[in-house]
Amino acid sequence: MNTESSAEMVFNMAEDLTIYSVAELKDSFMEYAEKTQELKVTLEQVTEFDSAGFQLMMFIINFANATEKTCVIKRLSKPVIDVLMLLGMNEDFSFKKNLASQEASL
């Protein structure tokens, strides 16, 4: 899930971001978060996204705020965008439906 380069660390979410996988992903995210001050999360590989996935996204944002870390969620996949639009959260994540490269800085 994580990719590291000399310049930055990015947490790449798995394809399945549903109730069946979020507990394991949360644990992996916490290990990643301990190693960096700037949280960079990509969602481009996510093909399944449900309310548990949304809750994990909100946890990441709240965690960043509570620990005063920078949080950037980028490259939202179509399933993620669809759920955010369904929940009326598209304004909160500052994206337009048809953009190929989605990024939200929080």
PDB file of N, CA and C in Angstrom:
ATOM      1  N   MET A   1       0.790  -1.193   0.000  1.00  0.00           N
ATOM      2  CA  MET A   1       0.000   0.000   0.000  1.00  0.00           C
ATOM      3  C   MET A   1       0.833   1.259   0.000  1.00  0.00           C
ATOM      4  N   ASN A   2       1.968   1.201   0.596  1.00  0.00           N
ATOM      5  CA  ASN A   2       2.830   2.385   0.649  1.00  0.00           C
ATOM      6  C   ASN A   2       3.873   2.325  -0.450  1.00  0.00           C
ATOM      7  N   THR A   3       4.181   3.484  -0.993  1.00  0.00           N
ATOM      8  CA  THR A   3       5.334   3.585  -1.877  1.00  0.00           C
ATOM      9  C   THR A   3       6.220   4.659  -1.302  1.00  0.00           C
ATOM     10  N   GLU A   4       7.501   4.408  -1.325  1.00  0.00           N
ATOM     11  CA  GLU A   4       8.444   5.370  -0.777  1.00  0.00           C
ATOM     12  C   GLU A   4       9.411   5.799  -1.854  1.00  0.00           C
ATOM     13  N   SER A   5       9.734   7.065  -1.867  1.00  0.00           N
ATOM     14  CA  SER A   5      10.819   7.563  -2.697  1.00  0.00           C
ATOM     15  C   SER A   5      11.666   8.440  -1.795  1.00  0.00           C
ATOM     16  N   SER A   6      12.772   8.904  -2.319  1.00  0.00           N
ATOM     17  CA  SER A   6      13.624   9.746  -1.483  1.00  0.00           C
ATOM     18  C   SER A   6      12.944  11.058  -1.139  1.00  0.00           C
ATOM     19  N   ALA A   7      12.009  11.510  -1.969  1.00  0.00           N
ATOM     20  CA  ALA A   7      11.379  12.802  -1.755  1.00  0.00           C
ATOM     21  C   ALA A   7      10.109  12.724  -0.909  1.00  0.00           C
ATOM     22  N   GLU A   8       9.333  11.659  -1.043  1.00  0.00           N
ATOM     23  CA  GLU A   8       8.058  11.611  -0.341  1.00  0.00           C
ATOM     24  C   GLU A   8       7.593  10.185  -0.107  1.00  0.00           C
ATOM     25  N   MET A   9       6.640  10.068   0.824  1.00  0.00           N
ATOM     26  CA  MET A   9       5.982   8.800   1.087  1.00  0.00           C
ATOM     27  C   MET A   9       4.506   8.986   0.752  1.00  0.00           C
ATOM     28  N   VAL A  10       3.945   8.029   0.030  1.00  0.00           N
ATOM     29  CA  VAL A  10       2.542   8.099  -0.367  1.00  0.00           C
ATOM     30  C   VAL A  10       1.857   6.813   0.072  1.00  0.00           C
ATOM     31  N   PHE A  11       0.642   6.942   0.611  1.00  0.00           N
ATOM     32  CA  PHE A  11      -0.151   5.785   0.994  1.00  0.00           C
ATOM     33  C   PHE A  11      -1.167   5.534  -0.114  1.00  0.00           C
ATOM     34  N   ASN A  12      -0.990   4.434  -0.853  1.00  0.00           N
ATOM     35  CA  ASN A  12      -1.900   4.075  -1.942  1.00  0.00           C
ATOM     36  C   ASN A  12      -2.959   3.128  -1.407  1.00  0.00           C
ATOM     37  N   MET A  13      -4.207   3.553  -1.456  1.00  0.00           N
ATOM     38  CA  MET A  13      -5.290   2.704  -0.980  1.00  0.00           C
ATOM     39  C   MET A  13      -5.485   1.518  -1.915  1.00  0.00           C
ATOM     40  N   ALA A  14      -5.927   0.411  -1.355  1.00  0.00           N
ATOM     41  CA  ALA A  14      -6.185  -0.808  -2.116  1.00  0.00           C
ATOM     42  C   ALA A  14      -7.432  -0.649  -2.980  1.00  0.00           C
ATOM     43  N   GLU A  15      -7.638  -1.603  -3.868  1.00  0.00           N
ATOM     44  CA  GLU A  15      -8.805  -1.576  -4.749  1.00  0.00           C
ATOM     45  C   GLU A  15     -10.116  -1.623  -3.972  1.00  0.00           C
ATOM     46  N   ASP A  16     -10.150  -2.429  -2.936  1.00  0.00           N
ATOM     47  CA  ASP A  16     -11.369  -2.640  -2.161  1.00  0.00           C
ATOM     48  C   ASP A  16     -11.318  -1.798  -0.895  1.00  0.00           C
ATOM     49  N   LEU A  17     -12.131  -0.767  -0.859  1.00  0.00           N
ATOM     50  CA  LEU A  17     -12.200   0.119   0.301  1.00  0.00           C
ATOM     51  C   LEU A  17     -13.618   0.003   0.864  1.00  0.00           C
ATOM     52  N   THR A  18     -13.900  -1.183   1.421  1.00  0.00           N
ATOM     53  CA  THR A  18     -15.238  -1.506   1.916  1.00  0.00           C
ATOM     54  C   THR A  18     -15.151  -2.035   3.345  1.00  0.00           C
ATOM     55  N   ILE A  19     -16.287  -2.353   3.872  1.00  0.00           N
ATOM     56  CA  ILE A  19     -16.379  -2.858   5.241  1.00  0.00           C
ATOM     57  C   ILE A  19     -15.485  -4.077   5.458  1.00  0.00           C
ATOM     58  N   TYR A  20     -15.210  -4.819   4.395  1.00  0.00           N
ATOM     59  CA  TYR A  20     -14.416  -6.035   4.510  1.00  0.00           C
ATOM     60  C   TYR A  20     -12.917  -5.774   4.632  1.00  0.00           C
ATOM     61  N   SER A  21     -12.479  -4.558   4.333  1.00  0.00           N
ATOM     62  CA  SER A  21     -11.037  -4.308   4.299  1.00  0.00           C
ATOM     63  C   SER A  21     -10.566  -3.109   5.121  1.00  0.00           C
ATOM     64  N   VAL A  22     -11.477  -2.270   5.609  1.00  0.00           N
ATOM     65  CA  VAL A  22     -11.029  -1.016   6.220  1.00  0.00           C
ATOM     66  C   VAL A  22     -10.254  -1.193   7.528  1.00  0.00           C
ATOM     67  N   ALA A  23     -10.560  -2.205   8.300  1.00  0.00           N
ATOM     68  CA  ALA A  23      -9.830  -2.387   9.568  1.00  0.00           C
ATOM     69  C   ALA A  23      -8.347  -2.639   9.291  1.00  0.00           C
ATOM     70  N   GLU A  24      -8.059  -3.502   8.334  1.00  0.00           N
ATOM     71  CA  GLU A  24      -6.671  -3.781   7.965  1.00  0.00           C
ATOM     72  C   GLU A  24      -6.012  -2.546   7.345  1.00  0.00           C
ATOM     73  N   LEU A  25      -6.752  -1.827   6.505  1.00  0.00           N
ATOM     74  CA  LEU A  25      -6.209  -0.621   5.879  1.00  0.00           C
ATOM     75  C   LEU A  25      -5.931   0.463   6.909  1.00  0.00           C
ATOM     76  N   LYS A  26      -6.792   0.567   7.915  1.00  0.00           N
ATOM     77  CA  LYS A  26      -6.566   1.557   8.973  1.00  0.00           C
ATOM     78  C   LYS A  26      -5.263   1.260   9.707  1.00  0.00           C
ATOM     79  N   ASP A  27      -5.031  -0.015  10.013  1.00  0.00           N
ATOM     80  CA  ASP A  27      -3.785  -0.394  10.685  1.00  0.00           C
ATOM     81  C   ASP A  27      -2.574  -0.042   9.824  1.00  0.00           C
ATOM     82  N   SER A  28      -2.654  -0.332   8.531  1.00  0.00           N
ATOM     83  CA  SER A  28      -1.553  -0.003   7.617  1.00  0.00           C
ATOM     84  C   SER A  28      -1.347   1.499   7.529  1.00  0.00           C
ATOM     85  N   PHE A  29      -2.454   2.229   7.499  1.00  0.00           N
ATOM     86  CA  PHE A  29      -2.352   3.688   7.443  1.00  0.00           C
ATOM     87  C   PHE A  29      -1.666   4.235   8.692  1.00  0.00           C
ATOM     88  N   MET A  30      -2.014   3.720   9.853  1.00  0.00           N
ATOM     89  CA  MET A  30      -1.421   4.208  11.094  1.00  0.00           C
ATOM     90  C   MET A  30       0.093   3.961  11.116  1.00  0.00           C
ATOM     91  N   GLU A  31       0.533   2.827  10.589  1.00  0.00           N
ATOM     92  CA  GLU A  31       1.969   2.564  10.491  1.00  0.00           C
ATOM     93  C   GLU A  31       2.627   3.596   9.579  1.00  0.00           C
ATOM     94  N   TYR A  32       1.984   3.895   8.463  1.00  0.00           N
ATOM     95  CA  TYR A  32       2.480   4.905   7.524  1.00  0.00           C
ATOM     96  C   TYR A  32       2.522   6.285   8.188  1.00  0.00           C
ATOM     97  N   ALA A  33       1.451   6.643   8.891  1.00  0.00           N
ATOM     98  CA  ALA A  33       1.319   7.981   9.480  1.00  0.00           C
ATOM     99  C   ALA A  33       2.382   8.258  10.537  1.00  0.00           C
ATOM    100  N   GLU A  34       2.856   7.217  11.200  1.00  0.00           N
ATOM    101  CA  GLU A  34       3.899   7.395  12.212  1.00  0.00           C
ATOM    102  C   GLU A  34       5.225   7.845  11.601  1.00  0.00           C
ATOM    103  N   LYS A  35       5.403   7.604  10.301  1.00  0.00           N
ATOM    104  CA  LYS A  35       6.687   7.847   9.648  1.00  0.00           C
ATOM    105  C   LYS A  35       6.780   9.178   8.920  1.00  0.00           C
ATOM    106  N   THR A  36       5.701   9.938   8.865  1.00  0.00           N
ATOM    107  CA  THR A  36       5.719  11.152   8.064  1.00  0.00           C
ATOM    108  C   THR A  36       4.865  12.258   8.690  1.00  0.00           C
ATOM    109  N   GLN A  37       5.212  13.487   8.402  1.00  0.00           N
ATOM    110  CA  GLN A  37       4.441  14.635   8.871  1.00  0.00           C
ATOM    111  C   GLN A  37       3.413  15.065   7.830  1.00  0.00           C
ATOM    112  N   GLU A  38       3.656  14.713   6.565  1.00  0.00           N
ATOM    113  CA  GLU A  38       2.730  15.070   5.490  1.00  0.00           C
ATOM    114  C   GLU A  38       2.062  13.798   4.972  1.00  0.00           C
ATOM    115  N   LEU A  39       0.772  13.674   5.224  1.00  0.00           N
ATOM    116  CA  LEU A  39       0.020  12.493   4.819  1.00  0.00           C
ATOM    117  C   LEU A  39      -0.450  12.672   3.380  1.00  0.00           C
ATOM    118  N   LYS A  40       0.002  11.793   2.507  1.00  0.00           N
ATOM    119  CA  LYS A  40      -0.408  11.827   1.106  1.00  0.00           C
ATOM    120  C   LYS A  40      -1.075  10.495   0.800  1.00  0.00           C
ATOM    121  N   VAL A  41      -2.349  10.566   0.437  1.00  0.00           N
ATOM    122  CA  VAL A  41      -3.147   9.364   0.202  1.00  0.00           C
ATOM    123  C   VAL A  41      -3.684   9.416  -1.223  1.00  0.00           C
ATOM    124  N   THR A  42      -3.483   8.330  -1.975  1.00  0.00           N
ATOM    125  CA  THR A  42      -4.053   8.260  -3.319  1.00  0.00           C
ATOM    126  C   THR A  42      -5.159   7.214  -3.351  1.00  0.00           C
ATOM    127  N   LEU A  43      -6.204   7.533  -4.103  1.00  0.00           N
ATOM    128  CA  LEU A  43      -7.363   6.651  -4.201  1.00  0.00           C
ATOM    129  C   LEU A  43      -7.628   6.220  -5.644  1.00  0.00           C
ATOM    130  N   GLU A  44      -6.638   6.326  -6.512  1.00  0.00           N
ATOM    131  CA  GLU A  44      -6.837   6.042  -7.927  1.00  0.00           C
ATOM    132  C   GLU A  44      -7.088   4.566  -8.214  1.00  0.00           C
ATOM    133  N   GLN A  45      -6.642   3.671  -7.358  1.00  0.00           N
ATOM    134  CA  GLN A  45      -6.818   2.234  -7.585  1.00  0.00           C
ATOM    135  C   GLN A  45      -8.106   1.686  -6.970  1.00  0.00           C
ATOM    136  N   VAL A  46      -8.858   2.526  -6.262  1.00  0.00           N
ATOM    137  CA  VAL A  46     -10.069   2.066  -5.582  1.00  0.00           C
ATOM    138  C   VAL A  46     -11.169   1.766  -6.601  1.00  0.00           C
ATOM    139  N   THR A  47     -11.643   0.514  -6.584  1.00  0.00           N
ATOM    140  CA  THR A  47     -12.724   0.109  -7.489  1.00  0.00           C
ATOM    141  C   THR A  47     -14.028  -0.138  -6.741  1.00  0.00           C
ATOM    142  N   GLU A  48     -13.929  -0.375  -5.434  1.00  0.00           N
ATOM    143  CA  GLU A  48     -15.125  -0.551  -4.604  1.00  0.00           C
ATOM    144  C   GLU A  48     -14.991   0.351  -3.385  1.00  0.00           C
ATOM    145  N   PHE A  49     -16.038   1.135  -3.130  1.00  0.00           N
ATOM    146  CA  PHE A  49     -15.992   2.140  -2.076  1.00  0.00           C
ATOM    147  C   PHE A  49     -17.373   2.238  -1.455  1.00  0.00           C
ATOM    148  N   ASP A  50     -17.489   1.940  -0.171  1.00  0.00           N
ATOM    149  CA  ASP A  50     -18.778   2.027   0.503  1.00  0.00           C
ATOM    150  C   ASP A  50     -18.689   2.975   1.692  1.00  0.00           C
ATOM    151  N   SER A  51     -19.699   2.959   2.543  1.00  0.00           N
ATOM    152  CA  SER A  51     -19.719   3.899   3.665  1.00  0.00           C
ATOM    153  C   SER A  51     -18.566   3.650   4.634  1.00  0.00           C
ATOM    154  N   ALA A  52     -18.103   2.422   4.752  1.00  0.00           N
ATOM    155  CA  ALA A  52     -16.943   2.144   5.610  1.00  0.00           C
ATOM    156  C   ALA A  52     -15.688   2.792   5.016  1.00  0.00           C
ATOM    157  N   GLY A  53     -15.559   2.771   3.701  1.00  0.00           N
ATOM    158  CA  GLY A  53     -14.450   3.450   3.042  1.00  0.00           C
ATOM    159  C   GLY A  53     -14.513   4.947   3.265  1.00  0.00           C
ATOM    160  N   PHE A  54     -15.723   5.498   3.196  1.00  0.00           N
ATOM    161  CA  PHE A  54     -15.903   6.923   3.464  1.00  0.00           C
ATOM    162  C   PHE A  54     -15.515   7.243   4.907  1.00  0.00           C
ATOM    163  N   GLN A  55     -15.920   6.392   5.838  1.00  0.00           N
ATOM    164  CA  GLN A  55     -15.569   6.608   7.240  1.00  0.00           C
ATOM    165  C   GLN A  55     -14.058   6.564   7.447  1.00  0.00           C
ATOM    166  N   LEU A  56     -13.366   5.683   6.737  1.00  0.00           N
ATOM    167  CA  LEU A  56     -11.911   5.646   6.831  1.00  0.00           C
ATOM    168  C   LEU A  56     -11.306   6.931   6.290  1.00  0.00           C
ATOM    169  N   MET A  57     -11.852   7.435   5.188  1.00  0.00           N
ATOM    170  CA  MET A  57     -11.379   8.703   4.650  1.00  0.00           C
ATOM    171  C   MET A  57     -11.549   9.821   5.673  1.00  0.00           C
ATOM    172  N   MET A  58     -12.693   9.874   6.322  1.00  0.00           N
ATOM    173  CA  MET A  58     -12.951  10.903   7.326  1.00  0.00           C
ATOM    174  C   MET A  58     -12.049  10.710   8.547  1.00  0.00           C
ATOM    175  N   PHE A  59     -11.778   9.459   8.917  1.00  0.00           N
ATOM    176  CA  PHE A  59     -10.847   9.195  10.004  1.00  0.00           C
ATOM    177  C   PHE A  59      -9.474   9.774   9.682  1.00  0.00           C
ATOM    178  N   ILE A  60      -9.012   9.557   8.454  1.00  0.00           N
ATOM    179  CA  ILE A  60      -7.701  10.059   8.031  1.00  0.00           C
ATOM    180  C   ILE A  60      -7.655  11.579   8.144  1.00  0.00           C
ATOM    181  N   ILE A  61      -8.716  12.241   7.690  1.00  0.00           N
ATOM    182  CA  ILE A  61      -8.785  13.707   7.754  1.00  0.00           C
ATOM    183  C   ILE A  61      -8.796  14.175   9.208  1.00  0.00           C
ATOM    184  N   ASN A  62      -9.606  13.546  10.039  1.00  0.00           N
ATOM    185  CA  ASN A  62      -9.676  13.922  11.451  1.00  0.00           C
ATOM    186  C   ASN A  62      -8.370  13.631  12.179  1.00  0.00           C
ATOM    187  N   PHE A  63      -7.733  12.517  11.845  1.00  0.00           N
ATOM    188  CA  PHE A  63      -6.436  12.182  12.421  1.00  0.00           C
ATOM    189  C   PHE A  63      -5.411  13.260  12.071  1.00  0.00           C
ATOM    190  N   ALA A  64      -5.395  13.676  10.815  1.00  0.00           N
ATOM    191  CA  ALA A  64      -4.458  14.715  10.376  1.00  0.00           C
ATOM    192  C   ALA A  64      -4.696  16.007  11.156  1.00  0.00           C
ATOM    193  N   ASN A  65      -5.942  16.388  11.314  1.00  0.00           N
ATOM    194  CA  ASN A  65      -6.261  17.608  12.065  1.00  0.00           C
ATOM    195  C   ASN A  65      -5.847  17.487  13.527  1.00  0.00           C
ATOM    196  N   ALA A  66      -6.126  16.347  14.134  1.00  0.00           N
ATOM    197  CA  ALA A  66      -5.815  16.150  15.552  1.00  0.00           C
ATOM    198  C   ALA A  66      -4.314  16.124  15.817  1.00  0.00           C
ATOM    199  N   THR A  67      -3.548  15.647  14.858  1.00  0.00           N
ATOM    200  CA  THR A  67      -2.104  15.537  15.044  1.00  0.00           C
ATOM    201  C   THR A  67      -1.345  16.673  14.352  1.00  0.00           C
ATOM    202  N   GLU A  68      -2.101  17.622  13.812  1.00  0.00           N
ATOM    203  CA  GLU A  68      -1.540  18.786  13.125  1.00  0.00           C
ATOM    204  C   GLU A  68      -0.607  18.398  11.985  1.00  0.00           C
ATOM    205  N   LYS A  69      -1.015  17.369  11.247  1.00  0.00           N
ATOM    206  CA  LYS A  69      -0.266  16.949  10.066  1.00  0.00           C
ATOM    207  C   LYS A  69      -0.980  17.458   8.821  1.00  0.00           C
ATOM    208  N   THR A  70      -0.217  17.680   7.782  1.00  0.00           N
ATOM    209  CA  THR A  70      -0.795  18.051   6.496  1.00  0.00           C
ATOM    210  C   THR A  70      -1.390  16.795   5.868  1.00  0.00           C
ATOM    211  N   CYS A  71      -2.550  16.938   5.227  1.00  0.00           N
ATOM    212  CA  CYS A  71      -3.195  15.791   4.598  1.00  0.00           C
ATOM    213  C   CYS A  71      -3.599  16.153   3.170  1.00  0.00           C
ATOM    214  N   VAL A  72      -3.150  15.349   2.218  1.00  0.00           N
ATOM    215  CA  VAL A  72      -3.528  15.527   0.823  1.00  0.00           C
ATOM    216  C   VAL A  72      -4.094  14.203   0.329  1.00  0.00           C
ATOM    217  N   ILE A  73      -5.340  14.247  -0.101  1.00  0.00           N
ATOM    218  CA  ILE A  73      -5.982  13.069  -0.695  1.00  0.00           C
ATOM    219  C   ILE A  73      -6.084  13.367  -2.180  1.00  0.00           C
ATOM    220  N   LYS A  74      -5.476  12.492  -3.004  1.00  0.00           N
ATOM    221  CA  LYS A  74      -5.440  12.810  -4.427  1.00  0.00           C
ATOM    222  C   LYS A  74      -5.781  11.612  -5.296  1.00  0.00           C
ATOM    223  N   ARG A  75      -6.015  11.933  -6.554  1.00  0.00           N
ATOM    224  CA  ARG A  75      -6.329  10.943  -7.582  1.00  0.00           C
ATOM    225  C   ARG A  75      -7.502  10.064  -7.188  1.00  0.00           C
ATOM    226  N   LEU A  76      -8.644  10.688  -6.947  1.00  0.00           N
ATOM    227  CA  LEU A  76      -9.846   9.962  -6.591  1.00  0.00           C
ATOM    228  C   LEU A  76     -10.356   9.181  -7.797  1.00  0.00           C
ATOM    229  N   SER A  77     -10.685   7.914  -7.576  1.00  0.00           N
ATOM    230  CA  SER A  77     -11.231   7.082  -8.647  1.00  0.00           C
ATOM    231  C   SER A  77     -12.711   7.414  -8.848  1.00  0.00           C
ATOM    232  N   LYS A  78     -13.264   6.932  -9.944  1.00  0.00           N
ATOM    233  CA  LYS A  78     -14.673   7.185 -10.230  1.00  0.00           C
ATOM    234  C   LYS A  78     -15.604   6.663  -9.130  1.00  0.00           C
ATOM    235  N   PRO A  79     -15.398   5.440  -8.613  1.00  0.00           N
ATOM    236  CA  PRO A  79     -16.272   4.979  -7.520  1.00  0.00           C
ATOM    237  C   PRO A  79     -16.227   5.898  -6.293  1.00  0.00           C
ATOM    238  N   VAL A  80     -15.068   6.432  -5.960  1.00  0.00           N
ATOM    239  CA  VAL A  80     -14.949   7.342  -4.821  1.00  0.00           C
ATOM    240  C   VAL A  80     -15.715   8.631  -5.114  1.00  0.00           C
ATOM    241  N   ILE A  81     -15.521   9.188  -6.287  1.00  0.00           N
ATOM    242  CA  ILE A  81     -16.218  10.415  -6.675  1.00  0.00           C
ATOM    243  C   ILE A  81     -17.723  10.206  -6.659  1.00  0.00           C
ATOM    244  N   ASP A  82     -18.169   9.079  -7.186  1.00  0.00           N
ATOM    245  CA  ASP A  82     -19.608   8.793  -7.227  1.00  0.00           C
ATOM    246  C   ASP A  82     -20.215   8.772  -5.826  1.00  0.00           C
ATOM    247  N   VAL A  83     -19.536   8.123  -4.874  1.00  0.00           N
ATOM    248  CA  VAL A  83     -20.050   8.059  -3.498  1.00  0.00           C
ATOM    249  C   VAL A  83     -20.019   9.443  -2.857  1.00  0.00           C
ATOM    250  N   LEU A  84     -18.944  10.187  -3.051  1.00  0.00           N
ATOM    251  CA  LEU A  84     -18.868  11.539  -2.479  1.00  0.00           C
ATOM    252  C   LEU A  84     -19.974  12.431  -3.035  1.00  0.00           C
ATOM    253  N   MET A  85     -20.258  12.297  -4.319  1.00  0.00           N
ATOM    254  CA  MET A  85     -21.336  13.100  -4.911  1.00  0.00           C
ATOM    255  C   MET A  85     -22.687  12.655  -4.352  1.00  0.00           C
ATOM    256  N   LEU A  86     -22.884  11.355  -4.202  1.00  0.00           N
ATOM    257  CA  LEU A  86     -24.127  10.829  -3.643  1.00  0.00           C
ATOM    258  C   LEU A  86     -24.355  11.355  -2.221  1.00  0.00           C
ATOM    259  N   LEU A  87     -23.274  11.483  -1.466  1.00  0.00           N
ATOM    260  CA  LEU A  87     -23.360  11.981  -0.091  1.00  0.00           C
ATOM    261  C   LEU A  87     -23.372  13.511  -0.014  1.00  0.00           C
ATOM    262  N   GLY A  88     -23.244  14.156  -1.175  1.00  0.00           N
ATOM    263  CA  GLY A  88     -23.229  15.616  -1.197  1.00  0.00           C
ATOM    264  C   GLY A  88     -21.933  16.202  -0.670  1.00  0.00           C
ATOM    265  N   MET A  89     -20.858  15.439  -0.743  1.00  0.00           N
ATOM    266  CA  MET A  89     -19.577  15.874  -0.195  1.00  0.00           C
ATOM    267  C   MET A  89     -18.645  16.449  -1.264  1.00  0.00           C
ATOM    268  N   ASN A  90     -19.091  16.540  -2.505  1.00  0.00           N
ATOM    269  CA  ASN A  90     -18.206  17.003  -3.572  1.00  0.00           C
ATOM    270  C   ASN A  90     -17.706  18.419  -3.331  1.00  0.00           C
ATOM    271  N   GLU A  91     -18.493  19.278  -2.736  1.00  0.00           N
ATOM    272  CA  GLU A  91     -18.031  20.638  -2.433  1.00  0.00           C
ATOM    273  C   GLU A  91     -16.956  20.614  -1.348  1.00  0.00           C
ATOM    274  N   ASP A  92     -17.101  19.726  -0.385  1.00  0.00           N
ATOM    275  CA  ASP A  92     -16.131  19.635   0.703  1.00  0.00           C
ATOM    276  C   ASP A  92     -14.768  19.148   0.228  1.00  0.00           C
ATOM    277  N   PHE A  93     -14.769  18.369  -0.843  1.00  0.00           N
ATOM    278  CA  PHE A  93     -13.516  17.831  -1.361  1.00  0.00           C
ATOM    279  C   PHE A  93     -13.025  18.566  -2.600  1.00  0.00           C
ATOM    280  N   SER A  94     -13.639  19.685  -2.929  1.00  0.00           N
ATOM    281  CA  SER A  94     -13.177  20.600  -3.977  1.00  0.00           C
ATOM    282  C   SER A  94     -12.816  19.905  -5.281  1.00  0.00           C
ATOM    283  N   PHE A  95     -13.729  19.195  -5.859  1.00  0.00           N
ATOM    284  CA  PHE A  95     -13.464  18.607  -7.165  1.00  0.00           C
ATOM    285  C   PHE A  95     -14.690  18.754  -8.054  1.00  0.00           C
ATOM    286  N   LYS A  96     -14.452  18.594  -9.341  1.00  0.00           N
ATOM    287  CA  LYS A  96     -15.528  18.571 -10.321  1.00  0.00           C
ATOM    288  C   LYS A  96     -15.584  17.161 -10.888  1.00  0.00           C
ATOM    289  N   LYS A  97     -16.776  16.687 -11.195  1.00  0.00           N
ATOM    290  CA  LYS A  97     -16.988  15.296 -11.582  1.00  0.00           C
ATOM    291  C   LYS A  97     -16.125  14.855 -12.765  1.00  0.00           C
ATOM    292  N   ASN A  98     -15.895  15.703 -13.721  1.00  0.00           N
ATOM    293  CA  ASN A  98     -15.241  15.253 -14.944  1.00  0.00           C
ATOM    294  C   ASN A  98     -13.734  15.438 -14.967  1.00  0.00           C
ATOM    295  N   LEU A  99     -13.127  15.890 -13.894  1.00  0.00           N
ATOM    296  CA  LEU A  99     -11.677  16.047 -13.878  1.00  0.00           C
ATOM    297  C   LEU A  99     -10.995  14.692 -13.813  1.00  0.00           C
ATOM    298  N   ALA A 100      -9.984  14.508 -14.617  1.00  0.00           N
ATOM    299  CA  ALA A 100      -9.277  13.225 -14.642  1.00  0.00           C
ATOM    300  C   ALA A 100      -8.399  13.038 -13.397  1.00  0.00           C
ATOM    301  N   SER A 101      -7.768  14.086 -12.954  1.00  0.00           N
ATOM    302  CA  SER A 101      -6.892  14.003 -11.795  1.00  0.00           C
ATOM    303  C   SER A 101      -7.508  14.777 -10.652  1.00  0.00           C
ATOM    304  N   GLN A 102      -8.013  14.074  -9.658  1.00  0.00           N
ATOM    305  CA  GLN A 102      -8.686  14.717  -8.538  1.00  0.00           C
ATOM    306  C   GLN A 102      -7.715  14.888  -7.388  1.00  0.00           C
ATOM    307  N   GLU A 103      -7.762  16.036  -6.732  1.00  0.00           N
ATOM    308  CA  GLU A 103      -6.924  16.251  -5.566  1.00  0.00           C
ATOM    309  C   GLU A 103      -7.664  17.149  -4.586  1.00  0.00           C
ATOM    310  N   ALA A 104      -7.625  16.770  -3.344  1.00  0.00           N
ATOM    311  CA  ALA A 104      -8.234  17.584  -2.306  1.00  0.00           C
ATOM    312  C   ALA A 104      -7.194  17.825  -1.225  1.00  0.00           C
ATOM    313  N   SER A 105      -6.892  19.059  -0.945  1.00  0.00           N
ATOM    314  CA  SER A 105      -5.980  19.378   0.150  1.00  0.00           C
ATOM    315  C   SER A 105      -6.805  19.740   1.368  1.00  0.00           C
ATOM    316  N   LEU A 106      -6.465  19.127   2.477  1.00  0.00           N
ATOM    317  CA  LEU A 106      -7.254  19.329   3.687  1.00  0.00           C
ATOM    318  C   LEU A 106      -6.407  19.892   4.788  1.00  0.00           C
TER     319      LEU A 106
END
